[in-house]
Amino acid sequence: MRTRAAVLCGAAVALAGSLTAVPAEASAPHSAETFRAVKPSWKKCGTTDYPMLQCASVKVPLDHANPHGRQITLALSRVPHTAATFQGPLLVNPGGPGGDGLTLAGFVANSLPKEVAAQYDIIGFDPRGVGASKPALDCKPGHFGPVRPDSVPATPEVERANLARAKSFAAACTRKYGHLLPHINTVNAAHDIESIRRALGARKINYFGYSYGTYLGAVYAKLYPQRVRRLVLDSIADPTDVWYAANLNQDHAFNDRHRAFMAWVAKYDARYRLGTDPEKIEATWYAMRAALAKNPAGGKVGASELEDTFVPGSYYNGYWPYLAEAFAAYVNHKNTGPLVEVYKHFGAVDAADDNSYSIYTSVQCRDAFWPRDWHQWRKDNWAAYEKAPFMTWNNAWYNAPCAFWPTDSAQPVSVTNAKLPPALLFQATNDAATPYEGGVTVHDLLARSSLVVEQGGGNHGITLSGNACLDKYLATYLSDGTVPRGVGTRDAVCDALPDPKPLTSKAASMSARGSTLHRLLGFRG
């Protein structure tokens, strides 16, 4: 996902007009209700970490308006219930769009209290085009290979180089998957969830989504409210500004979070020797960026790759100690090794990431309005850059293929819903990827929902990540459907966990970095 603050008037007007009703393709007769879903055949596929995992697949229509036409395959995983009390399937989604969800089922099953997890079949799934689902999209392998042009288009030549990359990616997707792209969007993914429900033979489903998965869950609930039993949304995408406005707004939140990291580094000057003034440390970081633009570290980490490497720190503060070590080593000792190492772990892109990005663009570019006039992008992003330089242009180029995408834009779905049972929402106040306002908005749009706020928290994905207060509300809701009820916007408040401490050893293993959840959720999503 990506998200938040000021945008062009034209886009805002277009979005406001489009959110008055469910779009035509969503309100048309649902093939998921007419397509005969076949019960999945589960087989053991356990891993060392998740030995109880089972795997299967289901067929769904490529085009839900033509349920008896071409079919595609969705990959599923399951940790089956073991308790005498069975509360049905709990579908889990890590977001993206483009995140694969098979392993997430094992993580959720292991992380919930055993007596709660045992009451559900916890179901992971790779959405259409993702991971083990077939066909899986990979428009242009190696698109993010180093070293890319500087993300900040300070000269016409740099802007042309970045535009050429965006156009070539859109063209590659068109050549390879032009017949599939009209069918890759959130509404069709929601219809796929309904096909999964039917294949499982469940009267209703329970759903637990992170990040973009919150929007997918809300859209499913809008299309099939009678099929929703319990709904958990964590780190909530604002459904009223998908997706061009969301990405511009997000730039400001990422800039704030990057500055929070600078303040954390200043607090530990005895370790990092970068100073005690966060603004001066930030200036040092940008000086490092400028130096890497001219001389990439290890021939791999230029200015754009440096941004890619530090973005994960805006999603999860558990990465701050590793990033700070690399930052300090470069500045204080001209040592590029740690910087190359953190790039390898946090910024480098592999084949799975290429697949994820192909779906990310396919869904976002199809979901909603994007300006086709590059002059509008240039104007809006330079305006954002003036106040939020950290991620604005990196974010712009990440989404720029949408300016040249071959499919028409669909209308966003209004997720306003008074037909659901109580839903449980979780949101951190300082989340950069899906800022706080999105949680408040969805709380207002979903009647009878309850919002649990992590006060002072800046991480993206906050349940099952070590905060016992949050996890208690989650476990109670999944156990018996109870939600907290407060006064005003916040129904319950939990304090954020403390920020991390510096590493105890400079040689600390990168294999220990961060929590399992944040590796599963990934970045940009």
Protein backbone atom coordinates (compact mmCIF):
# COMPACT_ATOMS: atom_id res chain seq x y z
CA MET A 1 0.00 0.00 0.00
CA ARG A 2 0.95 3.67 0.03
CA THR A 3 -0.86 6.77 1.45
CA ARG A 4 -1.92 10.50 2.41
CA ALA A 5 -2.07 14.63 2.26
CA ALA A 6 -2.60 17.32 -0.49
CA VAL A 7 -3.35 16.58 -4.15
CA LEU A 8 -4.63 17.97 -7.38
CA CYS A 9 -8.15 19.34 -7.37
CA GLY A 10 -9.11 17.55 -10.56
CA ALA A 11 -8.28 14.13 -9.16
CA ALA A 12 -10.05 14.87 -5.91
CA VAL A 13 -13.20 15.93 -7.75
CA ALA A 14 -13.07 12.86 -9.97
CA LEU A 15 -12.65 10.59 -6.98
CA ALA A 16 -15.42 12.26 -5.03
CA GLY A 17 -17.81 11.73 -7.89
CA SER A 18 -16.77 8.13 -8.35
CA LEU A 19 -17.34 7.12 -4.75
CA THR A 20 -21.09 7.54 -4.77
CA ALA A 21 -21.89 3.95 -5.64
CA VAL A 22 -20.46 0.52 -6.26
CA PRO A 23 -19.01 0.52 -9.82
CA ALA A 24 -20.80 -1.32 -12.58
CA GLU A 25 -18.41 -4.26 -12.75
CA ALA A 26 -18.81 -4.76 -9.00
CA SER A 27 -22.59 -4.56 -8.95
CA ALA A 28 -23.09 -6.78 -12.00
CA PRO A 29 -24.26 -10.37 -11.41
CA HIS A 30 -21.46 -12.10 -9.53
CA SER A 31 -19.98 -15.10 -11.28
CA ALA A 32 -18.78 -16.25 -7.88
CA GLU A 33 -22.42 -17.00 -7.14
CA THR A 34 -22.94 -18.96 -10.37
CA PHE A 35 -19.53 -20.55 -10.91
CA ARG A 36 -19.39 -24.08 -9.53
CA ALA A 37 -16.38 -23.99 -7.20
CA VAL A 38 -14.69 -27.34 -6.60
CA LYS A 39 -13.76 -28.32 -3.06
CA PRO A 40 -9.98 -28.04 -2.60
CA SER A 41 -7.93 -31.18 -2.09
CA TRP A 42 -5.56 -30.46 0.78
CA LYS A 43 -2.07 -31.92 0.95
CA LYS A 44 0.66 -31.53 3.57
CA CYS A 45 3.16 -28.79 2.79
CA GLY A 46 4.48 -28.01 6.26
CA THR A 47 7.76 -26.23 6.88
CA THR A 48 10.10 -26.22 9.86
CA ASP A 49 8.43 -23.08 11.17
CA TYR A 50 4.88 -24.10 10.25
CA PRO A 51 4.65 -27.91 10.23
CA MET A 52 0.83 -27.98 10.21
CA LEU A 53 0.46 -26.12 6.90
CA GLN A 54 -1.55 -27.76 4.15
CA CYS A 55 -1.76 -26.59 0.53
CA ALA A 56 -4.36 -26.76 -2.23
CA SER A 57 -5.67 -24.76 -5.16
CA VAL A 58 -8.99 -23.68 -6.60
CA LYS A 59 -10.08 -22.65 -10.07
CA VAL A 60 -11.87 -19.33 -10.59
CA PRO A 61 -13.00 -17.48 -13.72
CA LEU A 62 -10.56 -15.02 -15.23
CA ASP A 63 -13.55 -12.88 -16.14
CA HIS A 64 -16.27 -12.96 -13.51
CA ALA A 65 -18.73 -11.64 -16.08
CA ASN A 66 -18.11 -14.86 -18.03
CA PRO A 67 -18.08 -17.58 -15.35
CA HIS A 68 -17.81 -20.42 -17.84
CA GLY A 69 -14.92 -18.93 -19.81
CA ARG A 70 -11.19 -19.18 -19.16
CA GLN A 71 -10.22 -20.24 -15.65
CA ILE A 72 -7.18 -19.34 -13.57
CA THR A 73 -5.75 -21.01 -10.46
CA LEU A 74 -5.50 -19.59 -6.96
CA ALA A 75 -3.03 -21.16 -4.51
CA LEU A 76 -4.33 -21.76 -0.97
CA SER A 77 -2.80 -22.75 2.34
CA ARG A 78 -4.45 -23.89 5.55
CA VAL A 79 -3.78 -24.60 9.17
CA PRO A 80 -6.86 -26.67 10.08
CA HIS A 81 -8.83 -26.22 13.27
CA THR A 82 -8.27 -28.72 16.06
CA ALA A 83 -10.81 -27.64 18.66
CA ALA A 84 -14.28 -29.10 19.08
CA THR A 85 -15.65 -25.58 18.65
CA PHE A 86 -15.30 -24.59 14.99
CA GLN A 87 -15.82 -20.95 14.00
CA GLY A 88 -15.24 -21.41 10.27
CA PRO A 89 -12.49 -20.26 7.92
CA LEU A 90 -10.36 -17.21 8.75
CA LEU A 91 -8.91 -15.83 5.51
CA VAL A 92 -5.73 -13.80 5.99
CA ASN A 93 -4.11 -11.33 3.57
CA PRO A 94 -0.78 -9.46 3.96
CA GLY A 95 -1.60 -6.56 1.64
CA GLY A 96 0.39 -5.20 -1.28
CA PRO A 97 -1.38 -5.41 -3.65
CA GLY A 98 0.86 -8.25 -4.71
CA GLY A 99 1.66 -9.81 -1.35
CA ASP A 100 1.59 -13.59 -1.24
CA GLY A 101 -0.35 -14.97 1.68
CA LEU A 102 0.46 -18.66 1.93
CA THR A 103 3.01 -18.41 4.75
CA LEU A 104 0.92 -15.81 6.59
CA ALA A 105 -1.58 -18.52 7.50
CA GLY A 106 1.11 -20.38 9.43
CA PHE A 107 2.29 -17.21 11.13
CA VAL A 108 -1.20 -16.20 12.24
CA ALA A 109 -1.93 -19.71 13.51
CA ASN A 110 1.30 -19.69 15.54
CA SER A 111 0.88 -16.14 16.84
CA LEU A 112 -2.72 -16.21 18.07
CA PRO A 113 -3.39 -17.82 21.44
CA LYS A 114 -3.55 -21.57 20.82
CA GLU A 115 -7.10 -21.88 22.10
CA VAL A 116 -8.22 -19.16 19.63
CA ALA A 117 -6.33 -20.40 16.58
CA ALA A 118 -7.58 -23.93 17.21
CA GLN A 119 -11.17 -22.81 16.54
CA TYR A 120 -10.51 -21.70 12.95
CA ASP A 121 -9.34 -23.09 9.67
CA ILE A 122 -6.77 -20.35 9.00
CA ILE A 123 -6.60 -19.88 5.24
CA GLY A 124 -3.87 -18.13 3.31
CA PHE A 125 -4.14 -17.40 -0.38
CA ASP A 126 -2.12 -15.93 -3.21
CA PRO A 127 -4.43 -13.51 -5.05
CA ARG A 128 -4.79 -13.76 -8.81
CA GLY A 129 -1.45 -13.35 -10.55
CA VAL A 130 0.57 -13.65 -7.33
CA GLY A 131 3.18 -16.18 -6.22
CA ALA A 132 2.03 -19.78 -6.58
CA SER A 133 -1.24 -18.83 -8.27
CA LYS A 134 -1.28 -19.33 -12.02
CA PRO A 135 -0.63 -17.52 -14.21
CA ALA A 136 1.77 -15.46 -12.10
CA LEU A 137 2.79 -12.14 -13.60
CA ASP A 138 6.36 -10.92 -14.02
CA CYS A 139 6.28 -8.08 -16.51
CA LYS A 140 9.93 -7.13 -16.61
CA PRO A 141 12.41 -9.18 -14.58
CA GLY A 142 15.22 -7.09 -13.17
CA HIS A 143 13.34 -3.80 -13.49
CA PHE A 144 14.75 -2.64 -10.14
CA GLY A 145 18.29 -3.86 -10.71
CA PRO A 146 21.00 -1.45 -9.60
CA VAL A 147 22.04 1.20 -10.36
CA ARG A 148 18.91 3.09 -11.41
CA PRO A 149 18.77 6.77 -12.37
CA ASP A 150 18.54 9.18 -9.46
CA SER A 151 14.89 9.35 -8.43
CA VAL A 152 14.96 13.15 -8.13
CA PRO A 153 14.61 14.47 -11.70
CA ALA A 154 16.90 17.45 -11.16
CA THR A 155 17.74 17.60 -14.88
CA PRO A 156 15.68 16.90 -18.01
CA GLU A 157 18.01 13.99 -18.78
CA VAL A 158 17.31 12.29 -15.45
CA GLU A 159 13.58 12.83 -15.85
CA ARG A 160 13.66 11.33 -19.36
CA ALA A 161 15.59 8.31 -18.09
CA ASN A 162 13.04 7.64 -15.37
CA LEU A 163 10.12 8.20 -17.73
CA ALA A 164 11.66 5.73 -20.17
CA ARG A 165 11.79 3.11 -17.40
CA ALA A 166 8.14 3.68 -16.46
CA LYS A 167 6.98 3.52 -20.07
CA SER A 168 9.04 0.40 -20.77
CA PHE A 169 7.54 -1.39 -17.76
CA ALA A 170 3.98 -0.58 -18.84
CA ALA A 171 4.81 -1.67 -22.38
CA ALA A 172 6.33 -4.95 -21.16
CA CYS A 173 3.19 -5.72 -19.13
CA THR A 174 1.06 -4.96 -22.19
CA ARG A 175 3.08 -7.25 -24.44
CA LYS A 176 3.16 -10.18 -22.03
CA TYR A 177 -0.18 -9.91 -20.24
CA GLY A 178 -2.41 -7.54 -22.18
CA HIS A 179 -5.23 -10.13 -22.17
CA LEU A 180 -5.02 -10.48 -18.38
CA LEU A 181 -4.61 -6.87 -17.25
CA PRO A 182 -8.28 -5.84 -17.57
CA HIS A 183 -9.10 -8.55 -15.02
CA ILE A 184 -6.45 -7.73 -12.39
CA ASN A 185 -8.00 -5.39 -9.83
CA THR A 186 -9.46 -5.29 -6.34
CA VAL A 187 -13.05 -6.01 -7.32
CA ASN A 188 -12.09 -9.22 -9.11
CA ALA A 189 -9.90 -10.24 -6.18
CA ALA A 190 -12.94 -9.77 -3.94
CA HIS A 191 -15.03 -11.97 -6.22
CA ASP A 192 -12.21 -14.53 -5.99
CA ILE A 193 -12.57 -14.53 -2.21
CA GLU A 194 -16.23 -15.36 -2.65
CA SER A 195 -15.28 -18.24 -4.94
CA ILE A 196 -12.90 -19.47 -2.23
CA ARG A 197 -15.73 -19.30 0.32
CA ARG A 198 -17.94 -21.41 -1.89
CA ALA A 199 -15.14 -23.91 -2.53
CA LEU A 200 -14.63 -24.23 1.22
CA GLY A 201 -18.33 -24.89 1.70
CA ALA A 202 -18.61 -22.18 4.35
CA ARG A 203 -21.82 -20.20 4.83
CA LYS A 204 -19.76 -17.22 6.00
CA ILE A 205 -16.09 -16.33 6.30
CA ASN A 206 -13.96 -14.48 8.80
CA TYR A 207 -11.36 -12.12 7.32
CA PHE A 208 -8.13 -10.62 8.69
CA GLY A 209 -6.23 -8.21 6.44
CA TYR A 210 -3.21 -5.94 6.79
CA SER A 211 -2.48 -2.76 4.78
CA TYR A 212 -3.95 -3.00 1.25
CA GLY A 213 -5.60 -6.17 2.53
CA THR A 214 -7.86 -3.87 4.57
CA TYR A 215 -9.20 -2.32 1.37
CA LEU A 216 -9.64 -5.73 -0.22
CA GLY A 217 -11.53 -6.90 2.87
CA ALA A 218 -13.73 -3.81 2.92
CA VAL A 219 -14.56 -4.24 -0.78
CA TYR A 220 -15.43 -7.90 -0.24
CA ALA A 221 -17.65 -6.89 2.68
CA LYS A 222 -19.39 -4.32 0.47
CA LEU A 223 -20.09 -6.84 -2.28
CA TYR A 224 -21.00 -9.75 0.01
CA PRO A 225 -22.02 -8.33 3.39
CA GLN A 226 -24.21 -11.35 4.15
CA ARG A 227 -21.11 -13.58 3.88
CA VAL A 228 -19.02 -11.76 6.50
CA ARG A 229 -18.97 -13.16 10.02
CA ARG A 230 -16.00 -11.31 11.52
CA LEU A 231 -13.78 -8.66 9.95
CA VAL A 232 -10.37 -7.52 11.26
CA LEU A 233 -8.54 -4.67 9.51
CA ASP A 234 -5.01 -3.70 10.61
CA SER A 235 -3.15 -0.60 9.31
CA ILE A 236 -5.97 0.71 7.23
CA ALA A 237 -5.83 2.05 3.69
CA ASP A 238 -8.07 5.08 3.22
CA PRO A 239 -10.66 3.94 0.64
CA THR A 240 -11.65 7.49 -0.25
CA ASP A 241 -8.36 8.43 -1.93
CA VAL A 242 -7.30 5.37 -3.93
CA TRP A 243 -4.71 5.51 -5.39
CA TYR A 244 -3.07 8.59 -6.98
CA ALA A 245 -4.02 10.88 -4.13
CA ALA A 246 -3.06 8.24 -1.59
CA ASN A 247 0.49 8.03 -2.88
CA LEU A 248 1.01 11.78 -2.86
CA ASN A 249 -0.38 12.00 0.65
CA GLN A 250 1.81 9.16 1.82
CA ASP A 251 4.96 11.10 0.95
CA HIS A 252 4.42 13.49 3.84
CA ALA A 253 3.89 10.68 6.34
CA PHE A 254 7.04 8.89 5.18
CA ASN A 255 9.02 12.09 5.55
CA ASP A 256 7.82 12.44 9.14
CA ARG A 257 8.75 8.86 9.91
CA HIS A 258 12.21 9.28 8.39
CA ARG A 259 12.71 12.30 10.66
CA ALA A 260 11.63 10.20 13.64
CA PHE A 261 14.48 7.85 12.73
CA MET A 262 16.88 10.81 12.63
CA ALA A 263 15.74 11.81 16.13
CA TRP A 264 16.34 8.24 17.32
CA VAL A 265 19.88 8.31 15.89
CA ALA A 266 20.50 11.62 17.68
CA LYS A 267 19.44 10.04 20.96
CA TYR A 268 22.25 7.50 20.64
CA ASP A 269 25.10 9.76 19.60
CA ALA A 270 27.41 7.87 21.97
CA ARG A 271 27.02 4.87 19.68
CA TYR A 272 26.69 6.39 16.22
CA ARG A 273 28.75 9.60 16.52
CA LEU A 274 26.50 11.44 14.08
CA GLY A 275 25.57 14.28 16.41
CA THR A 276 22.73 15.17 18.73
CA ASP A 277 20.79 17.50 16.43
CA PRO A 278 18.24 15.56 14.29
CA GLU A 279 18.16 18.27 11.61
CA LYS A 280 21.93 18.17 11.19
CA ILE A 281 21.86 14.38 11.08
CA GLU A 282 19.20 14.59 8.39
CA ALA A 283 21.43 16.96 6.42
CA THR A 284 24.24 14.41 6.77
CA TRP A 285 21.95 11.70 5.42
CA TYR A 286 21.16 13.80 2.35
CA ALA A 287 24.86 14.51 1.89
CA MET A 288 25.41 10.74 1.91
CA ARG A 289 22.68 10.42 -0.69
CA ALA A 290 24.34 13.03 -2.91
CA ALA A 291 27.70 11.27 -2.62
CA LEU A 292 26.18 7.91 -3.53
CA ALA A 293 24.49 9.43 -6.56
CA LYS A 294 27.96 10.17 -7.89
CA ASN A 295 29.74 7.06 -6.59
CA PRO A 296 27.41 4.13 -5.73
CA ALA A 297 28.53 1.99 -2.82
CA GLY A 298 29.87 -1.33 -4.04
CA GLY A 299 28.64 -0.41 -7.51
CA LYS A 300 25.13 -1.19 -6.26
CA VAL A 301 23.82 1.44 -3.87
CA GLY A 302 23.17 4.72 -5.63
CA ALA A 303 20.76 7.43 -4.55
CA SER A 304 17.62 5.52 -5.54
CA GLU A 305 18.86 2.29 -3.96
CA LEU A 306 19.66 4.17 -0.75
CA GLU A 307 16.03 5.29 -0.58
CA ASP A 308 14.88 1.72 -1.23
CA THR A 309 17.08 0.57 1.66
CA PHE A 310 15.83 3.11 4.19
CA VAL A 311 12.12 2.92 3.29
CA PRO A 312 11.67 -0.29 5.33
CA GLY A 313 12.69 1.67 8.41
CA SER A 314 9.57 3.77 7.91
CA TYR A 315 7.47 0.60 8.01
CA TYR A 316 9.12 -1.01 11.02
CA ASN A 317 11.40 0.58 13.62
CA GLY A 318 13.00 -2.77 14.39
CA TYR A 319 15.20 -2.09 11.36
CA TRP A 320 16.52 1.22 12.71
CA PRO A 321 19.58 -0.21 14.50
CA TYR A 322 20.80 -1.91 11.32
CA LEU A 323 20.23 1.16 9.18
CA ALA A 324 21.94 3.38 11.73
CA GLU A 325 25.02 1.14 11.84
CA ALA A 326 25.36 1.33 8.05
CA PHE A 327 24.76 5.09 8.03
CA ALA A 328 27.40 5.67 10.70
CA ALA A 329 29.94 3.36 9.07
CA TYR A 330 29.68 5.23 5.79
CA VAL A 331 29.84 8.72 7.31
CA ASN A 332 32.43 8.12 10.02
CA HIS A 333 34.73 5.58 8.38
CA LYS A 334 33.94 5.72 4.64
CA ASN A 335 33.08 2.03 5.00
CA THR A 336 30.54 1.02 2.33
CA GLY A 337 30.33 -2.64 3.34
CA PRO A 338 27.51 -2.30 5.91
CA LEU A 339 25.53 -0.13 3.49
CA VAL A 340 25.77 -2.77 0.78
CA GLU A 341 24.76 -5.39 3.33
CA VAL A 342 21.60 -3.59 4.47
CA TYR A 343 20.73 -2.90 0.84
CA LYS A 344 20.96 -6.64 0.18
CA HIS A 345 18.56 -7.38 3.03
CA PHE A 346 16.14 -4.46 2.79
CA GLY A 347 16.38 -2.84 -0.64
CA ALA A 348 17.37 -5.42 -3.23
CA VAL A 349 14.65 -6.98 -5.38
CA ASP A 350 14.35 -10.67 -6.24
CA ALA A 351 12.01 -12.61 -8.56
CA ALA A 352 9.24 -12.72 -5.94
CA ASP A 353 9.47 -8.92 -5.62
CA ASP A 354 9.30 -8.58 -9.41
CA ASN A 355 6.08 -10.59 -9.34
CA SER A 356 4.72 -8.51 -6.48
CA TYR A 357 5.46 -5.25 -8.30
CA SER A 358 3.81 -6.53 -11.46
CA ILE A 359 0.61 -7.16 -9.50
CA TYR A 360 0.97 -3.95 -7.53
CA THR A 361 0.95 -1.88 -10.70
CA SER A 362 -1.69 -4.03 -12.39
CA VAL A 363 -4.14 -3.59 -9.52
CA GLN A 364 -3.45 0.02 -8.68
CA CYS A 365 -3.41 1.21 -12.27
CA ARG A 366 -6.70 -0.57 -13.00
CA ASP A 367 -8.47 0.24 -9.73
CA ALA A 368 -8.94 3.98 -10.07
CA PHE A 369 -8.21 7.24 -11.86
CA TRP A 370 -4.61 8.17 -12.68
CA PRO A 371 -3.63 11.32 -14.61
CA ARG A 372 -2.43 10.53 -18.12
CA ASP A 373 -0.76 13.93 -18.49
CA TRP A 374 2.79 13.76 -17.13
CA HIS A 375 2.77 17.51 -16.58
CA GLN A 376 0.23 16.91 -13.80
CA TRP A 377 2.48 14.34 -12.14
CA ARG A 378 5.46 16.68 -12.40
CA LYS A 379 3.55 19.58 -10.83
CA ASP A 380 2.07 17.53 -7.97
CA ASN A 381 5.25 15.70 -7.07
CA TRP A 382 7.51 18.74 -7.09
CA ALA A 383 4.98 20.43 -4.79
CA ALA A 384 5.09 17.45 -2.44
CA TYR A 385 8.90 17.23 -2.67
CA GLU A 386 9.30 20.77 -1.35
CA LYS A 387 7.88 19.65 2.00
CA ALA A 388 8.66 15.93 1.92
CA PRO A 389 11.86 15.15 0.00
CA PHE A 390 12.63 11.71 1.47
CA MET A 391 10.32 9.53 -0.60
CA THR A 392 8.32 11.75 -2.97
CA TRP A 393 10.09 11.08 -6.25
CA ASN A 394 10.98 7.49 -5.43
CA ASN A 395 7.28 6.93 -4.77
CA ALA A 396 6.31 8.78 -7.95
CA TRP A 397 8.46 6.60 -10.19
CA TYR A 398 7.26 3.46 -8.41
CA ASN A 399 3.72 4.36 -9.53
CA ALA A 400 4.56 6.12 -12.79
CA PRO A 401 3.68 3.16 -15.06
CA CYS A 402 0.05 4.00 -14.25
CA ALA A 403 0.37 7.13 -16.40
CA PHE A 404 0.93 4.83 -19.38
CA TRP A 405 -1.13 1.78 -18.42
CA PRO A 406 -3.05 0.09 -21.26
CA THR A 407 -6.31 -0.56 -19.39
CA ASP A 408 -9.06 1.89 -18.60
CA SER A 409 -9.50 2.95 -15.00
CA ALA A 410 -12.28 1.40 -12.97
CA GLN A 411 -14.23 3.38 -10.40
CA PRO A 412 -13.22 2.96 -6.76
CA VAL A 413 -15.69 1.12 -4.57
CA SER A 414 -17.57 3.00 -1.88
CA VAL A 415 -17.11 0.74 1.13
CA THR A 416 -19.76 2.48 3.26
CA ASN A 417 -21.55 -0.40 4.93
CA ALA A 418 -24.37 -0.67 7.46
CA LYS A 419 -25.03 -4.36 6.84
CA LEU A 420 -22.05 -5.88 8.65
CA PRO A 421 -21.68 -7.36 12.10
CA PRO A 422 -19.25 -5.37 14.31
CA ALA A 423 -15.79 -5.13 12.73
CA LEU A 424 -12.54 -4.58 14.62
CA LEU A 425 -10.04 -2.02 13.30
CA PHE A 426 -6.44 -1.37 14.40
CA GLN A 427 -4.42 1.74 13.58
CA ALA A 428 -1.17 3.31 14.82
CA THR A 429 -1.15 7.09 15.14
CA ASN A 430 2.19 7.55 13.33
CA ASP A 431 1.94 4.83 10.66
CA ALA A 432 3.54 6.17 7.47
CA ALA A 433 2.35 3.62 4.92
CA THR A 434 -1.31 3.90 5.92
CA PRO A 435 -1.63 7.05 8.03
CA TYR A 436 -3.99 7.37 10.95
CA GLU A 437 -6.71 9.24 9.07
CA GLY A 438 -7.47 6.13 7.02
CA GLY A 439 -8.43 4.22 10.15
CA VAL A 440 -10.72 7.00 11.29
CA THR A 441 -12.34 7.18 7.87
CA VAL A 442 -13.09 3.47 7.70
CA HIS A 443 -14.34 3.53 11.28
CA ASP A 444 -16.88 6.13 10.14
CA LEU A 445 -17.81 4.18 7.00
CA LEU A 446 -18.36 0.78 8.65
CA ALA A 447 -21.35 0.99 10.97
CA ARG A 448 -20.85 -0.71 14.36
CA SER A 449 -17.07 -0.99 13.82
CA SER A 450 -14.65 -0.39 16.70
CA LEU A 451 -11.27 1.33 16.36
CA VAL A 452 -8.34 0.31 18.57
CA VAL A 453 -5.55 2.90 18.41
CA GLU A 454 -1.88 2.34 19.13
CA GLN A 455 -0.93 5.72 20.58
CA GLY A 456 2.52 6.89 19.48
CA GLY A 457 3.07 3.81 17.32
CA GLY A 458 4.78 4.27 13.97
CA ASN A 459 4.92 0.73 12.66
CA HIS A 460 2.83 -0.64 9.82
CA GLY A 461 1.11 -3.87 10.86
CA ILE A 462 0.65 -3.74 14.62
CA THR A 463 -1.24 -6.81 15.78
CA LEU A 464 0.64 -10.07 16.39
CA SER A 465 3.82 -8.02 16.57
CA GLY A 466 4.49 -8.00 20.30
CA ASN A 467 1.97 -5.51 21.69
CA ALA A 468 0.01 -7.57 24.23
CA CYS A 469 -2.63 -4.86 24.65
CA LEU A 470 -3.54 -4.91 20.96
CA ASP A 471 -3.39 -8.68 20.77
CA LYS A 472 -5.79 -9.05 23.69
CA TYR A 473 -8.47 -7.12 21.81
CA LEU A 474 -7.83 -9.24 18.71
CA ALA A 475 -8.01 -12.54 20.60
CA THR A 476 -11.19 -11.54 22.43
CA TYR A 477 -12.90 -10.56 19.19
CA LEU A 478 -11.94 -13.77 17.41
CA SER A 479 -13.01 -15.78 20.44
CA ASP A 480 -16.51 -14.44 20.92
CA GLY A 481 -17.06 -11.39 18.68
CA THR A 482 -16.73 -8.84 21.48
CA VAL A 483 -15.47 -5.41 20.45
CA PRO A 484 -14.53 -2.49 22.73
CA ARG A 485 -16.91 0.45 22.86
CA GLY A 486 -15.57 3.88 23.75
CA VAL A 487 -16.63 7.49 23.43
CA GLY A 488 -15.79 9.39 20.26
CA THR A 489 -13.48 8.16 17.53
CA ARG A 490 -11.35 5.83 19.65
CA ASP A 491 -12.96 2.79 21.18
CA ALA A 492 -9.76 1.65 22.87
CA VAL A 493 -6.19 2.91 23.14
CA CYS A 494 -2.98 0.95 23.65
CA ASP A 495 0.44 2.48 24.24
CA ALA A 496 3.05 1.79 21.61
CA LEU A 497 5.98 -0.45 22.38
CA PRO A 498 9.28 1.32 23.14
CA ASP A 499 11.60 2.08 20.24
CA PRO A 500 14.47 -0.38 19.84
CA LYS A 501 17.91 -0.01 21.39
CA PRO A 502 21.14 0.03 19.36
CA LEU A 503 22.65 -3.33 18.52
CA THR A 504 24.70 -4.86 21.28
CA SER A 505 27.35 -5.79 18.74
CA LYS A 506 28.29 -4.34 15.37
CA ALA A 507 28.61 -7.92 14.19
CA ALA A 508 24.99 -8.74 15.05
CA SER A 509 23.55 -11.11 12.49
CA MET A 510 21.24 -9.66 9.88
CA SER A 511 19.30 -12.93 10.08
CA ALA A 512 17.95 -11.67 13.41
CA ARG A 513 16.58 -8.45 11.93
CA GLY A 514 13.00 -7.47 12.59
CA SER A 515 9.98 -9.57 13.31
CA THR A 516 8.63 -12.36 11.19
CA LEU A 517 5.44 -10.42 10.59
CA HIS A 518 7.19 -7.49 8.95
CA ARG A 519 9.14 -9.79 6.68
CA LEU A 520 5.85 -11.35 5.61
CA LEU A 521 4.11 -8.02 5.05
CA GLY A 522 7.01 -6.65 3.03
CA PHE A 523 7.34 -3.02 1.95
CA ARG A 524 5.42 -0.83 -0.46
CA GLY A 525 2.48 -2.81 0.68
